[in-house]
Structures are given as structure tokens and as C-alpha cells.
PDB file of all heavy atoms in Angstrom:
ATOM      1  N   CYS A   1     -29.550  20.723   1.435  1.00  0.00           N
ATOM      2  CA  CYS A   1     -28.523  19.696   1.410  1.00  0.00           C
ATOM      3  C   CYS A   1     -28.053  19.412  -0.054  1.00  0.00           C
ATOM      4  O   CYS A   1     -28.914  18.925  -0.807  1.00  0.00           O
ATOM      5  CB  CYS A   1     -29.045  18.492   1.999  1.00  0.00           C
ATOM      6  SG  CYS A   1     -27.885  17.073   2.201  1.00  0.00           S
ATOM      7  N   VAL A   2     -26.849  19.696  -0.371  1.00  0.00           N
ATOM      8  CA  VAL A   2     -26.402  19.539  -1.770  1.00  0.00           C
ATOM      9  C   VAL A   2     -26.391  18.048  -2.129  1.00  0.00           C
ATOM     10  O   VAL A   2     -26.365  17.676  -3.362  1.00  0.00           O
ATOM     11  CB  VAL A   2     -25.071  20.190  -1.954  1.00  0.00           C
ATOM     12  CG1 VAL A   2     -25.064  21.554  -1.643  1.00  0.00           C
ATOM     13  CG2 VAL A   2     -23.974  19.453  -0.794  1.00  0.00           C
ATOM     14  N   ASP A   3     -26.339  17.112  -1.111  1.00  0.00           N
ATOM     15  CA  ASP A   3     -26.244  15.532  -1.411  1.00  0.00           C
ATOM     16  C   ASP A   3     -27.651  14.998  -1.511  1.00  0.00           C
ATOM     17  O   ASP A   3     -27.671  13.796  -1.753  1.00  0.00           O
ATOM     18  CB  ASP A   3     -25.453  14.911  -0.387  1.00  0.00           C
ATOM     19  CG  ASP A   3     -23.960  15.389  -0.233  1.00  0.00           C
ATOM     20  OD1 ASP A   3     -23.384  15.547  -1.286  1.00  0.00           O
ATOM     21  OD2 ASP A   3     -23.475  15.599   0.838  1.00  0.00           O
ATOM     22  N   PHE A   4     -28.704  15.776  -1.418  1.00  0.00           N
ATOM     23  CA  PHE A   4     -29.984  15.240  -1.541  1.00  0.00           C
ATOM     24  C   PHE A   4     -30.703  15.802  -2.794  1.00  0.00           C
ATOM     25  O   PHE A   4     -30.909  16.911  -3.064  1.00  0.00           O
ATOM     26  CB  PHE A   4     -30.889  15.594  -0.372  1.00  0.00           C
ATOM     27  CG  PHE A   4     -32.152  15.159  -0.447  1.00  0.00           C
ATOM     28  CD1 PHE A   4     -32.517  13.744  -0.143  1.00  0.00           C
ATOM     29  CD2 PHE A   4     -33.314  15.968  -0.814  1.00  0.00           C
ATOM     30  CE1 PHE A   4     -33.781  13.375  -0.048  1.00  0.00           C
ATOM     31  CE2 PHE A   4     -34.595  15.466  -0.897  1.00  0.00           C
ATOM     32  CZ  PHE A   4     -34.907  14.053  -0.541  1.00  0.00           C
ATOM     33  N   ASP A   5     -31.042  14.780  -3.659  1.00  0.00           N
ATOM     34  CA  ASP A   5     -31.788  15.061  -4.917  1.00  0.00           C
ATOM     35  C   ASP A   5     -33.199  14.507  -4.759  1.00  0.00           C
ATOM     36  O   ASP A   5     -33.322  13.218  -4.808  1.00  0.00           O
ATOM     37  CB  ASP A   5     -31.064  14.402  -6.162  1.00  0.00           C
ATOM     38  CG  ASP A   5     -31.789  14.723  -7.484  1.00  0.00           C
ATOM     39  OD1 ASP A   5     -32.854  15.293  -7.396  1.00  0.00           O
ATOM     40  OD2 ASP A   5     -31.208  14.223  -8.503  1.00  0.00           O
ATOM     41  N   PRO A   6     -34.159  15.337  -4.467  1.00  0.00           N
ATOM     42  CA  PRO A   6     -35.583  14.819  -4.234  1.00  0.00           C
ATOM     43  C   PRO A   6     -36.085  13.996  -5.441  1.00  0.00           C
ATOM     44  O   PRO A   6     -37.013  13.212  -5.260  1.00  0.00           O
ATOM     45  CB  PRO A   6     -36.380  16.062  -3.910  1.00  0.00           C
ATOM     46  CG  PRO A   6     -35.565  17.175  -4.553  1.00  0.00           C
ATOM     47  CD  PRO A   6     -34.101  16.820  -4.418  1.00  0.00           C
ATOM     48  N   GLY A   7     -35.638  14.298  -6.566  1.00  0.00           N
ATOM     49  CA  GLY A   7     -36.192  13.637  -7.797  1.00  0.00           C
ATOM     50  C   GLY A   7     -35.677  12.140  -7.980  1.00  0.00           C
ATOM     51  O   GLY A   7     -36.235  11.370  -8.651  1.00  0.00           O
ATOM     52  N   HIS A   8     -34.541  11.879  -7.342  1.00  0.00           N
ATOM     53  CA  HIS A   8     -33.818  10.602  -7.666  1.00  0.00           C
ATOM     54  C   HIS A   8     -33.328   9.912  -6.364  1.00  0.00           C
ATOM     55  O   HIS A   8     -32.828   8.787  -6.461  1.00  0.00           O
ATOM     56  CB  HIS A   8     -32.753  10.724  -8.583  1.00  0.00           C
ATOM     57  CG  HIS A   8     -33.233  11.304  -9.941  1.00  0.00           C
ATOM     58  ND1 HIS A   8     -33.910  10.582 -10.886  1.00  0.00           N
ATOM     59  CD2 HIS A   8     -32.906  12.563 -10.551  1.00  0.00           C
ATOM     60  CE1 HIS A   8     -34.126  11.230 -11.911  1.00  0.00           C
ATOM     61  NE2 HIS A   8     -33.572  12.492 -11.680  1.00  0.00           N
ATOM     62  N   PHE A   9     -33.393  10.538  -5.145  1.00  0.00           N
ATOM     63  CA  PHE A   9     -32.957  10.042  -4.015  1.00  0.00           C
ATOM     64  C   PHE A   9     -33.337   8.577  -3.679  1.00  0.00           C
ATOM     65  O   PHE A   9     -32.633   7.748  -3.237  1.00  0.00           O
ATOM     66  CB  PHE A   9     -33.173  10.903  -2.783  1.00  0.00           C
ATOM     67  CG  PHE A   9     -32.475  10.509  -1.554  1.00  0.00           C
ATOM     68  CD1 PHE A   9     -31.107  10.785  -1.363  1.00  0.00           C
ATOM     69  CD2 PHE A   9     -33.295   9.992  -0.495  1.00  0.00           C
ATOM     70  CE1 PHE A   9     -30.509  10.342  -0.191  1.00  0.00           C
ATOM     71  CE2 PHE A   9     -32.576   9.462   0.706  1.00  0.00           C
ATOM     72  CZ  PHE A   9     -31.173   9.772   0.820  1.00  0.00           C
ATOM     73  N   PHE A  10     -34.744   8.438  -3.970  1.00  0.00           N
ATOM     74  CA  PHE A  10     -35.301   7.163  -3.581  1.00  0.00           C
ATOM     75  C   PHE A  10     -35.361   6.142  -4.838  1.00  0.00           C
ATOM     76  O   PHE A  10     -36.072   5.098  -4.796  1.00  0.00           O
ATOM     77  CB  PHE A  10     -36.629   7.166  -3.040  1.00  0.00           C
ATOM     78  CG  PHE A  10     -36.627   7.832  -1.711  1.00  0.00           C
ATOM     79  CD1 PHE A  10     -36.902   9.183  -1.478  1.00  0.00           C
ATOM     80  CD2 PHE A  10     -36.232   7.086  -0.472  1.00  0.00           C
ATOM     81  CE1 PHE A  10     -36.941   9.823  -0.185  1.00  0.00           C
ATOM     82  CE2 PHE A  10     -36.164   7.718   0.638  1.00  0.00           C
ATOM     83  CZ  PHE A  10     -36.514   9.075   0.863  1.00  0.00           C
ATOM     84  N   ASP A  11     -34.765   6.511  -5.858  1.00  0.00           N
ATOM     85  CA  ASP A  11     -34.826   5.590  -7.131  1.00  0.00           C
ATOM     86  C   ASP A  11     -34.294   4.079  -6.789  1.00  0.00           C
ATOM     87  O   ASP A  11     -34.849   3.216  -7.428  1.00  0.00           O
ATOM     88  CB  ASP A  11     -33.931   6.129  -8.196  1.00  0.00           C
ATOM     89  CG  ASP A  11     -34.559   7.375  -8.957  1.00  0.00           C
ATOM     90  OD1 ASP A  11     -35.746   7.611  -8.544  1.00  0.00           O
ATOM     91  OD2 ASP A  11     -33.991   8.046  -9.821  1.00  0.00           O
ATOM     92  N   ASP A  12     -33.336   4.011  -5.873  1.00  0.00           N
ATOM     93  CA  ASP A  12     -32.786   2.672  -5.699  1.00  0.00           C
ATOM     94  C   ASP A  12     -33.288   2.043  -4.320  1.00  0.00           C
ATOM     95  O   ASP A  12     -32.547   1.236  -3.665  1.00  0.00           O
ATOM     96  CB  ASP A  12     -31.226   2.744  -5.714  1.00  0.00           C
ATOM     97  CG  ASP A  12     -30.735   3.777  -4.714  1.00  0.00           C
ATOM     98  OD1 ASP A  12     -31.382   4.325  -3.948  1.00  0.00           O
ATOM     99  OD2 ASP A  12     -29.488   4.114  -4.736  1.00  0.00           O
ATOM    100  N   THR A  13     -34.346   2.599  -3.855  1.00  0.00           N
ATOM    101  CA  THR A  13     -34.751   2.241  -2.532  1.00  0.00           C
ATOM    102  C   THR A  13     -36.269   1.730  -2.430  1.00  0.00           C
ATOM    103  O   THR A  13     -37.126   2.221  -3.261  1.00  0.00           O
ATOM    104  CB  THR A  13     -34.736   3.440  -1.562  1.00  0.00           C
ATOM    105  OG1 THR A  13     -33.443   4.060  -1.739  1.00  0.00           O
ATOM    106  CG2 THR A  13     -35.103   3.067  -0.127  1.00  0.00           C
ATOM    107  N   ILE A  14     -36.501   0.704  -1.775  1.00  0.00           N
ATOM    108  CA  ILE A  14     -37.932   0.197  -1.447  1.00  0.00           C
ATOM    109  C   ILE A  14     -38.279   0.809  -0.204  1.00  0.00           C
ATOM    110  O   ILE A  14     -37.571   0.584   0.795  1.00  0.00           O
ATOM    111  CB  ILE A  14     -37.891  -1.374  -1.503  1.00  0.00           C
ATOM    112  CG1 ILE A  14     -37.646  -1.940  -2.903  1.00  0.00           C
ATOM    113  CG2 ILE A  14     -39.305  -1.757  -0.915  1.00  0.00           C
ATOM    114  CD1 ILE A  14     -37.554  -3.407  -2.846  1.00  0.00           C
ATOM    115  N   GLY A  15     -39.252   1.579  -0.108  1.00  0.00           N
ATOM    116  CA  GLY A  15     -39.713   2.244   1.167  1.00  0.00           C
ATOM    117  C   GLY A  15     -39.090   3.585   1.243  1.00  0.00           C
ATOM    118  O   GLY A  15     -38.697   4.157   0.325  1.00  0.00           O
ATOM    119  N   VAL A  16     -38.804   4.086   2.501  1.00  0.00           N
ATOM    120  CA  VAL A  16     -38.199   5.282   2.868  1.00  0.00           C
ATOM    121  C   VAL A  16     -36.960   5.244   3.631  1.00  0.00           C
ATOM    122  O   VAL A  16     -36.377   6.337   3.888  1.00  0.00           O
ATOM    123  CB  VAL A  16     -39.254   6.095   3.503  1.00  0.00           C
ATOM    124  CG1 VAL A  16     -40.478   6.424   2.637  1.00  0.00           C
ATOM    125  CG2 VAL A  16     -39.684   5.581   4.890  1.00  0.00           C
ATOM    126  N   THR A  17     -36.560   4.139   4.075  1.00  0.00           N
ATOM    127  CA  THR A  17     -35.310   3.949   4.959  1.00  0.00           C
ATOM    128  C   THR A  17     -34.059   4.028   4.180  1.00  0.00           C
ATOM    129  O   THR A  17     -33.648   3.051   3.432  1.00  0.00           O
ATOM    130  CB  THR A  17     -35.309   2.713   5.782  1.00  0.00           C
ATOM    131  OG1 THR A  17     -36.601   2.806   6.431  1.00  0.00           O
ATOM    132  CG2 THR A  17     -34.208   2.740   6.825  1.00  0.00           C
ATOM    133  N   LYS A  18     -33.287   5.151   4.217  1.00  0.00           N
ATOM    134  CA  LYS A  18     -32.154   5.336   3.484  1.00  0.00           C
ATOM    135  C   LYS A  18     -31.412   6.529   4.014  1.00  0.00           C
ATOM    136  O   LYS A  18     -32.035   7.485   4.426  1.00  0.00           O
ATOM    137  CB  LYS A  18     -32.434   5.604   2.094  1.00  0.00           C
ATOM    138  CG  LYS A  18     -31.186   5.727   1.186  1.00  0.00           C
ATOM    139  CD  LYS A  18     -31.556   6.120  -0.329  1.00  0.00           C
ATOM    140  CE  LYS A  18     -30.268   6.187  -1.103  1.00  0.00           C
ATOM    141  NZ  LYS A  18     -30.503   6.673  -2.504  1.00  0.00           N
ATOM    142  N   THR A  19     -30.079   6.432   3.992  1.00  0.00           N
ATOM    143  CA  THR A  19     -29.177   7.634   4.420  1.00  0.00           C
ATOM    144  C   THR A  19     -28.556   8.116   3.165  1.00  0.00           C
ATOM    145  O   THR A  19     -28.462   7.470   2.112  1.00  0.00           O
ATOM    146  CB  THR A  19     -28.109   7.301   5.508  1.00  0.00           C
ATOM    147  OG1 THR A  19     -27.207   6.385   4.906  1.00  0.00           O
ATOM    148  CG2 THR A  19     -28.952   6.508   6.563  1.00  0.00           C
ATOM    149  N   ILE A  20     -27.900   9.196   3.269  1.00  0.00           N
ATOM    150  CA  ILE A  20     -27.137   9.869   2.097  1.00  0.00           C
ATOM    151  C   ILE A  20     -25.985   8.815   1.746  1.00  0.00           C
ATOM    152  O   ILE A  20     -25.635   8.824   0.524  1.00  0.00           O
ATOM    153  CB  ILE A  20     -26.551  11.210   2.565  1.00  0.00           C
ATOM    154  CG1 ILE A  20     -27.603  12.159   2.556  1.00  0.00           C
ATOM    155  CG2 ILE A  20     -25.421  11.661   1.555  1.00  0.00           C
ATOM    156  CD1 ILE A  20     -27.294  13.592   2.979  1.00  0.00           C
ATOM    157  N   HIS A  21     -25.376   8.108   2.698  1.00  0.00           N
ATOM    158  CA  HIS A  21     -24.295   7.380   2.408  1.00  0.00           C
ATOM    159  C   HIS A  21     -24.606   5.935   1.865  1.00  0.00           C
ATOM    160  O   HIS A  21     -23.890   5.219   1.566  1.00  0.00           O
ATOM    161  CB  HIS A  21     -23.403   7.317   3.659  1.00  0.00           C
ATOM    162  CG  HIS A  21     -22.893   8.599   4.119  1.00  0.00           C
ATOM    163  ND1 HIS A  21     -22.030   9.456   3.459  1.00  0.00           N
ATOM    164  CD2 HIS A  21     -23.336   9.241   5.259  1.00  0.00           C
ATOM    165  CE1 HIS A  21     -21.977  10.671   4.104  1.00  0.00           C
ATOM    166  NE2 HIS A  21     -22.687  10.562   5.174  1.00  0.00           N
ATOM    167  N   ASP A  22     -25.908   5.524   1.991  1.00  0.00           N
ATOM    168  CA  ASP A  22     -26.180   4.243   1.518  1.00  0.00           C
ATOM    169  C   ASP A  22     -26.081   4.084   0.051  1.00  0.00           C
ATOM    170  O   ASP A  22     -26.494   5.072  -0.828  1.00  0.00           O
ATOM    171  CB  ASP A  22     -27.810   3.887   1.916  1.00  0.00           C
ATOM    172  CG  ASP A  22     -27.992   3.633   3.384  1.00  0.00           C
ATOM    173  OD1 ASP A  22     -26.971   3.149   3.882  1.00  0.00           O
ATOM    174  OD2 ASP A  22     -29.022   3.752   3.873  1.00  0.00           O
ATOM    175  N   ARG A  23     -25.640   2.932  -0.312  1.00  0.00           N
ATOM    176  CA  ARG A  23     -25.503   2.633  -1.727  1.00  0.00           C
ATOM    177  C   ARG A  23     -26.221   1.426  -2.183  1.00  0.00           C
ATOM    178  O   ARG A  23     -26.226   0.421  -1.418  1.00  0.00           O
ATOM    179  CB  ARG A  23     -23.979   2.501  -2.219  1.00  0.00           C
ATOM    180  CG  ARG A  23     -23.218   3.795  -1.995  1.00  0.00           C
ATOM    181  CD  ARG A  23     -23.683   4.846  -3.013  1.00  0.00           C
ATOM    182  NE  ARG A  23     -22.913   6.119  -2.732  1.00  0.00           N
ATOM    183  CZ  ARG A  23     -23.321   7.103  -2.036  1.00  0.00           C
ATOM    184  NH1 ARG A  23     -24.606   7.001  -1.466  1.00  0.00           N
ATOM    185  NH2 ARG A  23     -22.607   8.168  -2.009  1.00  0.00           N
ATOM    186  N   PRO A  24     -26.689   1.293  -3.440  1.00  0.00           N
ATOM    187  CA  PRO A  24     -27.422   0.080  -3.632  1.00  0.00           C
ATOM    188  C   PRO A  24     -26.555  -1.237  -3.739  1.00  0.00           C
ATOM    189  O   PRO A  24     -25.416  -1.091  -4.135  1.00  0.00           O
ATOM    190  CB  PRO A  24     -28.074   0.291  -5.003  1.00  0.00           C
ATOM    191  CG  PRO A  24     -27.141   1.495  -5.703  1.00  0.00           C
ATOM    192  CD  PRO A  24     -26.657   2.310  -4.555  1.00  0.00           C
ATOM    193  N   ARG A  25     -27.178  -2.304  -3.537  1.00  0.00           N
ATOM    194  CA  ARG A  25     -26.383  -3.638  -3.483  1.00  0.00           C
ATOM    195  C   ARG A  25     -27.130  -4.517  -4.494  1.00  0.00           C
ATOM    196  O   ARG A  25     -28.341  -4.422  -4.836  1.00  0.00           O
ATOM    197  CB  ARG A  25     -26.425  -4.215  -2.231  1.00  0.00           C
ATOM    198  CG  ARG A  25     -25.699  -3.405  -1.148  1.00  0.00           C
ATOM    199  CD  ARG A  25     -24.221  -3.496  -1.264  1.00  0.00           C
ATOM    200  NE  ARG A  25     -23.748  -4.962  -1.089  1.00  0.00           N
ATOM    201  CZ  ARG A  25     -23.664  -5.718   0.061  1.00  0.00           C
ATOM    202  NH1 ARG A  25     -23.909  -5.064   1.229  1.00  0.00           N
ATOM    203  NH2 ARG A  25     -23.211  -6.834  -0.015  1.00  0.00           N
ATOM    204  N   ARG A  26     -26.483  -5.448  -5.052  1.00  0.00           N
ATOM    205  CA  ARG A  26     -27.084  -6.463  -6.013  1.00  0.00           C
ATOM    206  C   ARG A  26     -27.674  -7.526  -5.189  1.00  0.00           C
ATOM    207  O   ARG A  26     -26.984  -8.150  -4.364  1.00  0.00           O
ATOM    208  CB  ARG A  26     -26.176  -7.055  -6.960  1.00  0.00           C
ATOM    209  CG  ARG A  26     -26.634  -8.064  -7.907  1.00  0.00           C
ATOM    210  CD  ARG A  26     -25.590  -8.453  -8.965  1.00  0.00           C
ATOM    211  NE  ARG A  26     -26.280  -9.505  -9.895  1.00  0.00           N
ATOM    212  CZ  ARG A  26     -26.096 -10.768  -9.704  1.00  0.00           C
ATOM    213  NH1 ARG A  26     -25.412 -11.179  -8.667  1.00  0.00           N
ATOM    214  NH2 ARG A  26     -26.638 -11.639 -10.602  1.00  0.00           N
ATOM    215  N   VAL A  27     -28.952  -7.676  -5.252  1.00  0.00           N
ATOM    216  CA  VAL A  27     -29.723  -8.553  -4.479  1.00  0.00           C
ATOM    217  C   VAL A  27     -30.222  -9.764  -5.402  1.00  0.00           C
ATOM    218  O   VAL A  27     -30.911  -9.406  -6.402  1.00  0.00           O
ATOM    219  CB  VAL A  27     -30.988  -7.956  -3.658  1.00  0.00           C
ATOM    220  CG1 VAL A  27     -31.742  -9.063  -3.037  1.00  0.00           C
ATOM    221  CG2 VAL A  27     -30.388  -6.947  -2.710  1.00  0.00           C
ATOM    222  N   VAL A  28     -30.035 -10.999  -5.145  1.00  0.00           N
ATOM    223  CA  VAL A  28     -30.441 -12.080  -6.045  1.00  0.00           C
ATOM    224  C   VAL A  28     -31.458 -12.849  -5.235  1.00  0.00           C
ATOM    225  O   VAL A  28     -31.288 -13.315  -4.074  1.00  0.00           O
ATOM    226  CB  VAL A  28     -29.344 -12.996  -6.406  1.00  0.00           C
ATOM    227  CG1 VAL A  28     -29.766 -14.014  -7.316  1.00  0.00           C
ATOM    228  CG2 VAL A  28     -28.270 -12.213  -7.079  1.00  0.00           C
ATOM    229  N   ILE A  29     -32.691 -13.165  -5.880  1.00  0.00           N
ATOM    230  CA  ILE A  29     -33.742 -13.826  -5.252  1.00  0.00           C
ATOM    231  C   ILE A  29     -34.263 -14.897  -6.139  1.00  0.00           C
ATOM    232  O   ILE A  29     -34.385 -14.717  -7.313  1.00  0.00           O
ATOM    233  CB  ILE A  29     -34.867 -12.912  -4.780  1.00  0.00           C
ATOM    234  CG1 ILE A  29     -34.372 -11.815  -3.898  1.00  0.00           C
ATOM    235  CG2 ILE A  29     -36.130 -13.682  -4.216  1.00  0.00           C
ATOM    236  CD1 ILE A  29     -35.292 -10.722  -3.550  1.00  0.00           C
ATOM    237  N   LYS A  30     -34.608 -16.165  -5.522  1.00  0.00           N
ATOM    238  CA  LYS A  30     -35.238 -17.132  -6.217  1.00  0.00           C
ATOM    239  C   LYS A  30     -36.631 -17.247  -5.925  1.00  0.00           C
ATOM    240  O   LYS A  30     -36.970 -17.201  -4.682  1.00  0.00           O
ATOM    241  CB  LYS A  30     -34.451 -18.526  -6.109  1.00  0.00           C
ATOM    242  CG  LYS A  30     -35.088 -19.546  -6.894  1.00  0.00           C
ATOM    243  CD  LYS A  30     -34.410 -20.909  -6.780  1.00  0.00           C
ATOM    244  CE  LYS A  30     -34.998 -21.995  -7.618  1.00  0.00           C
ATOM    245  NZ  LYS A  30     -34.243 -23.280  -7.483  1.00  0.00           N
ATOM    246  N   VAL A  31     -37.568 -17.282  -6.823  1.00  0.00           N
ATOM    247  CA  VAL A  31     -39.060 -17.215  -6.533  1.00  0.00           C
ATOM    248  C   VAL A  31     -39.610 -18.572  -7.132  1.00  0.00           C
ATOM    249  O   VAL A  31     -39.348 -18.887  -8.406  1.00  0.00           O
ATOM    250  CB  VAL A  31     -39.706 -15.966  -7.169  1.00  0.00           C
ATOM    251  CG1 VAL A  31     -41.228 -15.992  -6.841  1.00  0.00           C
ATOM    252  CG2 VAL A  31     -38.982 -14.763  -6.830  1.00  0.00           C
ATOM    253  N   ASP A  32     -40.387 -19.277  -6.417  1.00  0.00           N
ATOM    254  CA  ASP A  32     -40.965 -20.542  -6.808  1.00  0.00           C
ATOM    255  C   ASP A  32     -42.034 -20.382  -7.841  1.00  0.00           C
ATOM    256  O   ASP A  32     -42.526 -19.115  -8.183  1.00  0.00           O
ATOM    257  CB  ASP A  32     -41.481 -21.400  -5.682  1.00  0.00           C
ATOM    258  CG  ASP A  32     -42.691 -20.793  -5.075  1.00  0.00           C
ATOM    259  OD1 ASP A  32     -43.328 -19.903  -5.591  1.00  0.00           O
ATOM    260  OD2 ASP A  32     -43.057 -21.338  -3.865  1.00  0.00           O
ATOM    261  N   SER A  33     -42.480 -21.349  -8.491  1.00  0.00           N
ATOM    262  CA  SER A  33     -43.539 -21.323  -9.611  1.00  0.00           C
ATOM    263  C   SER A  33     -44.793 -20.745  -9.203  1.00  0.00           C
ATOM    264  O   SER A  33     -45.474 -20.202 -10.078  1.00  0.00           O
ATOM    265  CB  SER A  33     -43.702 -22.686 -10.262  1.00  0.00           C
ATOM    266  OG  SER A  33     -44.121 -23.641  -9.169  1.00  0.00           O
ATOM    267  N   ASP A  34     -45.215 -20.820  -7.941  1.00  0.00           N
ATOM    268  CA  ASP A  34     -46.452 -20.277  -7.509  1.00  0.00           C
ATOM    269  C   ASP A  34     -46.564 -18.802  -7.628  1.00  0.00           C
ATOM    270  O   ASP A  34     -47.503 -18.205  -8.033  1.00  0.00           O
ATOM    271  CB  ASP A  34     -46.829 -20.810  -6.098  1.00  0.00           C
ATOM    272  CG  ASP A  34     -47.207 -22.287  -5.995  1.00  0.00           C
ATOM    273  OD1 ASP A  34     -47.589 -22.805  -7.142  1.00  0.00           O
ATOM    274  OD2 ASP A  34     -47.087 -22.843  -4.948  1.00  0.00           O
TER     275      ASP A  34
END
């Protein structure tokens, strides 16, 4: 598959759920002091 790069395909992914067409999104999270 020319669209699959095994060295970098999951660089923008937590876990393994991803398709060729998925693109990363900017996620903003607030974490408390604990």
C-alpha cells in the first residue's frame, strides 16, 4: 500500500485505531493540580 508508511503511520495516533484518511486534530485538555 503506497499510502502506508510503517515507520510513521502511527506517529500521530494513541493506540492502533486509524485509517489512511484520518488526520490529526488539535486537542486541548485542562488537567487539575493533582
